[in-house]
Protein backbone atom coordinates (compact mmCIF):
# COMPACT_ATOMS: atom_id res chain seq x y z
CA UNK A 1 73.93 42.13 62.17
CA UNK A 2 76.69 41.18 64.58
CA UNK A 3 78.08 37.65 64.55
CA UNK A 4 77.43 35.07 67.29
CA UNK A 5 80.53 35.91 69.31
CA UNK A 6 79.78 39.64 69.31
CA UNK A 7 76.18 38.94 70.32
CA UNK A 8 77.28 36.67 73.17
CA UNK A 9 79.82 39.19 74.45
CA UNK A 10 77.40 42.11 74.33
CA UNK A 11 74.73 40.04 76.12
CA UNK A 12 76.84 38.55 78.89
CA UNK A 13 79.99 40.67 79.45
CA UNK A 14 78.59 43.30 81.82
CA UNK A 15 81.06 44.06 84.59
CA UNK A 16 84.72 44.67 85.50
CA UNK A 17 87.23 43.18 83.02
CA UNK A 18 84.47 41.63 80.95
CA UNK A 19 82.83 45.03 80.44
CA UNK A 20 86.24 46.56 79.69
CA UNK A 21 86.69 43.99 76.92
CA UNK A 22 83.41 45.11 75.34
CA UNK A 23 84.49 48.75 75.56
CA UNK A 24 87.85 47.93 73.97
CA UNK A 25 86.26 45.99 71.12
CA UNK A 26 83.78 48.77 70.41
CA UNK A 27 86.55 51.35 70.55
CA UNK A 28 88.57 49.29 68.05
CA UNK A 29 85.59 49.06 65.72
CA UNK A 30 84.77 52.77 65.98
CA UNK A 31 88.37 53.80 65.32
CA UNK A 32 88.54 51.74 62.11
CA UNK A 33 85.10 52.88 60.92
CA UNK A 34 86.24 56.49 61.28
CA UNK A 35 89.25 55.84 59.07
CA UNK A 36 91.92 55.34 61.71
CA UNK A 37 94.71 52.76 61.60
CA UNK A 38 95.38 50.15 64.27
CA UNK A 39 98.53 48.81 65.87
CA UNK A 40 98.17 45.51 67.72
CA UNK A 41 100.81 44.38 70.21
CA UNK A 42 101.25 40.71 71.15
CA UNK A 43 103.03 39.60 74.31
CA UNK A 44 102.76 36.44 76.37
CA UNK A 45 102.22 33.08 74.71
CA UNK A 46 99.40 34.20 72.42
CA UNK A 47 100.67 32.32 69.36
CA UNK A 48 101.09 29.14 71.40
CA UNK A 49 97.48 29.64 72.50
CA UNK A 50 96.55 29.67 68.78
CA UNK A 51 95.51 33.31 68.56
CA UNK A 52 95.86 32.90 64.81
CA UNK A 53 92.40 31.36 64.65
CA UNK A 54 90.94 34.85 65.09
CA UNK A 55 93.87 37.18 64.42
CA UNK A 56 94.63 35.85 60.93
CA UNK A 57 91.13 36.71 59.75
CA UNK A 58 91.39 40.20 61.25
CA UNK A 59 94.56 40.72 59.22
CA UNK A 60 92.93 39.43 56.03
CA UNK A 61 90.02 41.81 56.55
CA UNK A 62 92.35 44.80 56.82
CA UNK A 63 91.68 45.42 60.52
CA UNK A 64 95.38 45.42 61.49
CA UNK A 65 97.87 47.91 60.04
CA UNK A 66 101.02 47.15 62.03
CA UNK A 67 102.03 44.61 64.70
CA UNK A 68 104.49 44.83 67.58
CA UNK A 69 105.22 41.38 68.99
CA UNK A 70 107.77 39.41 70.93
CA UNK A 71 110.15 37.11 69.10
CA UNK A 72 108.39 34.17 70.74
CA UNK A 73 105.02 35.12 69.22
CA UNK A 74 106.65 35.67 65.83
CA UNK A 75 108.15 32.18 65.70
CA UNK A 76 105.61 30.18 67.67
CA UNK A 77 102.80 30.85 65.22
CA UNK A 78 104.96 29.24 62.53
CA UNK A 79 105.92 26.39 64.87
CA UNK A 80 102.25 25.72 65.51
CA UNK A 81 101.71 25.72 61.74
CA UNK A 82 104.36 23.04 61.10
CA UNK A 83 104.28 20.97 64.31
CA UNK A 84 100.80 21.28 65.84
CA UNK A 85 100.12 17.54 66.04
CA UNK A 86 103.28 17.00 68.08
CA UNK A 87 102.47 19.52 70.82
CA UNK A 88 101.85 18.09 74.29
CA UNK A 89 99.36 19.45 76.82
CA UNK A 90 100.33 19.39 80.49
CA UNK A 91 97.15 20.56 82.30
CA UNK A 92 98.63 19.69 85.71
CA UNK A 93 101.73 21.83 85.11
CA UNK A 94 101.43 23.50 88.54
CA UNK A 95 102.04 20.14 90.21
CA UNK A 96 105.09 19.03 88.22
CA UNK A 97 108.03 17.79 90.23
CA UNK A 98 111.65 18.53 89.31
CA UNK A 99 111.82 14.98 87.91
CA UNK A 100 108.70 15.58 85.80
CA UNK A 101 110.29 18.72 84.37
CA UNK A 102 113.50 16.82 83.65
CA UNK A 103 111.60 14.04 81.89
CA UNK A 104 109.92 16.57 79.60
CA UNK A 105 113.29 18.11 78.80
CA UNK A 106 114.89 14.72 78.14
CA UNK A 107 112.09 13.93 75.70
CA UNK A 108 112.71 17.24 73.89
CA UNK A 109 109.54 18.99 75.03
CA UNK A 110 109.91 22.67 75.84
CA UNK A 111 107.15 23.71 78.23
CA UNK A 112 105.28 27.02 77.94
CA UNK A 113 103.02 26.88 81.04
CA UNK A 114 100.56 24.06 80.15
CA UNK A 115 101.75 23.41 76.59
CA UNK A 116 104.97 21.76 75.47
CA UNK A 117 106.52 22.64 72.12
CA UNK A 118 108.34 19.70 70.47
CA UNK A 119 111.97 20.55 69.81
CA UNK A 120 112.60 18.39 66.73
CA UNK A 121 109.34 19.04 64.89
CA UNK A 122 109.13 22.76 65.75
CA UNK A 123 112.46 24.40 66.61
CA UNK A 124 114.80 22.22 64.56
CA UNK A 125 112.43 21.98 61.60
CA UNK A 126 112.23 25.76 61.34
CA UNK A 127 115.96 26.15 62.04
CA UNK A 128 116.84 23.83 59.16
CA UNK A 129 115.08 26.04 56.62
CA UNK A 130 115.55 29.53 58.07
CA UNK A 131 119.33 29.08 58.22
CA UNK A 132 119.36 28.79 54.43
CA UNK A 133 117.46 32.07 54.15
CA UNK A 134 119.88 33.82 56.53
CA UNK A 135 122.92 32.43 54.72
CA UNK A 136 121.61 33.36 51.28
CA UNK A 137 121.09 36.96 52.41
CA UNK A 138 124.56 37.17 53.91
CA UNK A 139 126.21 35.73 50.80
CA UNK A 140 124.35 38.33 48.72
CA UNK A 141 125.37 41.18 51.03
CA UNK A 142 121.74 41.77 52.05
CA UNK A 143 120.26 42.52 55.48
CA UNK A 144 116.69 42.08 56.70
CA UNK A 145 114.61 42.33 59.85
CA UNK A 146 113.71 39.11 61.73
CA UNK A 147 110.09 39.23 60.53
CA UNK A 148 111.21 39.76 56.92
CA UNK A 149 113.22 36.53 57.03
CA UNK A 150 110.13 34.78 58.41
CA UNK A 151 108.03 36.23 55.60
CA UNK A 152 110.54 34.95 53.06
CA UNK A 153 110.45 31.39 54.38
CA UNK A 154 106.65 31.37 54.53
CA UNK A 155 106.16 32.80 51.04
CA UNK A 156 108.79 30.47 49.54
CA UNK A 157 106.50 27.48 50.14
CA UNK A 158 109.34 25.46 51.68
CA UNK A 159 107.37 24.79 54.85
CA UNK A 160 104.12 23.68 53.19
CA UNK A 161 105.25 20.05 53.32
CA UNK A 162 105.00 20.21 57.13
CA UNK A 163 101.67 22.02 57.62
CA UNK A 164 99.63 20.40 60.39
CA UNK A 165 96.86 23.00 60.73
CA UNK A 166 94.69 24.81 58.23
CA UNK A 167 97.01 27.59 56.98
CA UNK A 168 94.15 30.10 57.24
CA UNK A 169 94.68 29.90 61.02
CA UNK A 170 98.27 31.15 60.87
CA UNK A 171 98.42 34.88 61.55
CA UNK A 172 102.04 35.05 60.38
CA UNK A 173 101.10 33.58 57.01
CA UNK A 174 98.22 36.06 56.70
CA UNK A 175 100.60 38.91 57.63
CA UNK A 176 103.22 37.73 55.13
CA UNK A 177 100.66 37.58 52.33
CA UNK A 178 99.62 41.18 53.03
CA UNK A 179 103.17 42.30 53.92
CA UNK A 180 101.98 43.83 57.19
CA UNK A 181 104.72 45.86 58.95
CA UNK A 182 105.94 44.13 62.12
CA UNK A 183 108.36 45.29 64.80
CA UNK A 184 109.92 42.67 67.06
CA UNK A 185 111.71 44.28 70.02
CA UNK A 186 114.16 42.01 71.80
CA UNK A 187 114.01 39.39 69.05
CA UNK A 188 117.40 37.98 70.07
CA UNK A 189 115.75 36.72 73.28
CA UNK A 190 113.60 34.26 71.26
CA UNK A 191 114.57 30.70 70.31
CA UNK A 192 115.37 31.64 66.71
CA UNK A 193 117.26 34.66 68.04
CA UNK A 194 119.31 32.37 70.27
CA UNK A 195 119.96 30.06 67.32
CA UNK A 196 121.04 32.96 65.11
CA UNK A 197 123.39 34.12 67.87
CA UNK A 198 124.87 30.62 68.06
CA UNK A 199 125.78 30.79 64.37
CA UNK A 200 127.43 34.17 65.00
CA UNK A 201 129.42 32.71 67.92
CA UNK A 202 130.56 29.84 65.67
CA UNK A 203 131.57 32.28 62.93
CA UNK A 204 129.05 30.89 60.44
CA UNK A 205 127.02 34.12 60.20
CA UNK A 206 127.66 37.79 60.88
CA UNK A 207 125.55 39.68 63.40
CA UNK A 208 125.05 42.47 60.84
CA UNK A 209 123.06 40.11 58.59
CA UNK A 210 120.16 40.65 61.00
CA UNK A 211 118.85 44.21 61.30
CA UNK A 212 118.95 45.40 64.89
CA UNK A 213 116.53 46.61 67.55
CA UNK A 214 117.66 50.21 67.03
CA UNK A 215 116.81 49.83 63.35
CA UNK A 216 113.41 48.45 64.36
CA UNK A 217 112.83 51.51 66.54
CA UNK A 218 113.70 53.95 63.76
CA UNK A 219 111.63 51.90 61.29
CA UNK A 220 108.65 52.18 63.63
CA UNK A 221 109.18 55.92 64.16
CA UNK A 222 109.27 56.50 60.42
CA UNK A 223 106.09 54.42 59.93
CA UNK A 224 104.34 56.25 62.76
CA UNK A 225 105.04 59.72 61.37
CA UNK A 226 103.88 58.68 57.89
CA UNK A 227 100.64 57.10 59.15
CA UNK A 228 99.47 59.36 61.98
CA UNK A 229 97.38 61.76 59.92
CA UNK A 230 93.60 62.03 60.21
CA UNK A 231 92.15 59.84 62.97
CA UNK A 232 95.63 58.63 63.77
CA UNK A 233 96.83 55.26 65.00
CA UNK A 234 94.99 53.19 67.58
CA UNK A 235 96.94 51.07 70.06
CA UNK A 236 95.44 47.69 71.01
CA UNK A 237 97.64 45.92 73.54
CA UNK A 238 97.40 42.18 74.25
CA UNK A 239 99.64 41.35 77.19
CA UNK A 240 102.34 43.50 78.74
CA UNK A 241 106.09 43.66 78.45
CA UNK A 242 108.39 44.83 75.69
CA UNK A 243 105.91 44.37 72.82
CA UNK A 244 103.75 47.09 74.39
CA UNK A 245 106.57 49.21 75.82
CA UNK A 246 108.46 49.52 72.52
CA UNK A 247 105.79 51.45 70.57
CA UNK A 248 104.86 53.61 73.58
CA UNK A 249 108.35 55.15 73.32
CA UNK A 250 107.87 56.32 69.73
CA UNK A 251 105.71 59.42 70.34
CA UNK A 252 108.00 61.13 72.88
CA UNK A 253 111.06 59.92 70.97
CA UNK A 254 110.15 61.66 67.70
CA UNK A 255 110.07 64.98 69.60
CA UNK A 256 113.59 64.59 70.98
């Protein structure tokens, strides 16, 4: 028997985008039941919106085989994990004056539409620990992808002292525990990407310590070829932009 959410959706979502959501969910379910694999892409501020409350359980249940996400979604799930109680809602964000925006900035709140992420408890807290992971890799002559560094910091247990939500609601933690492949196109455009770049500018880290976007693309192409047998790979896109565009390029690219 379907759960309460599935029952509600099937009963009430009958037209236009609502009906399309039902079709997409059923298509997802059918594809997995027939033995196919599923790629999920995350754009927008889905992690800030606490998508992990549902997505983490999907990962634990083996319903996600690979993820393509923006750098913001990669880091903001972890920021929510360690700084949730310090977030600030701004429901009237459409009516903010320039002075209101300045006041938020002066108080170290970084606004993502109607939610402000606290700089000290989120960005700086993560920066403090992830820098050590980056530096250790560089000193050892090792190189990793952005998501692999995030997996290392999560699995090390260093951040557990800061947890402010139930860790079962962190999709990044669930992904790290299952070692789900992730590709993060344009990672350098995220906050942690900007911070990494700042260390490179200051000469404290080398750019080569972080594997690049081209390496992510070839990593994804290799994974795609190895996993496209049988029913193939489904593509479930949440939001637009680079997280969805990046994997769309793989199929024509492998024929070049």
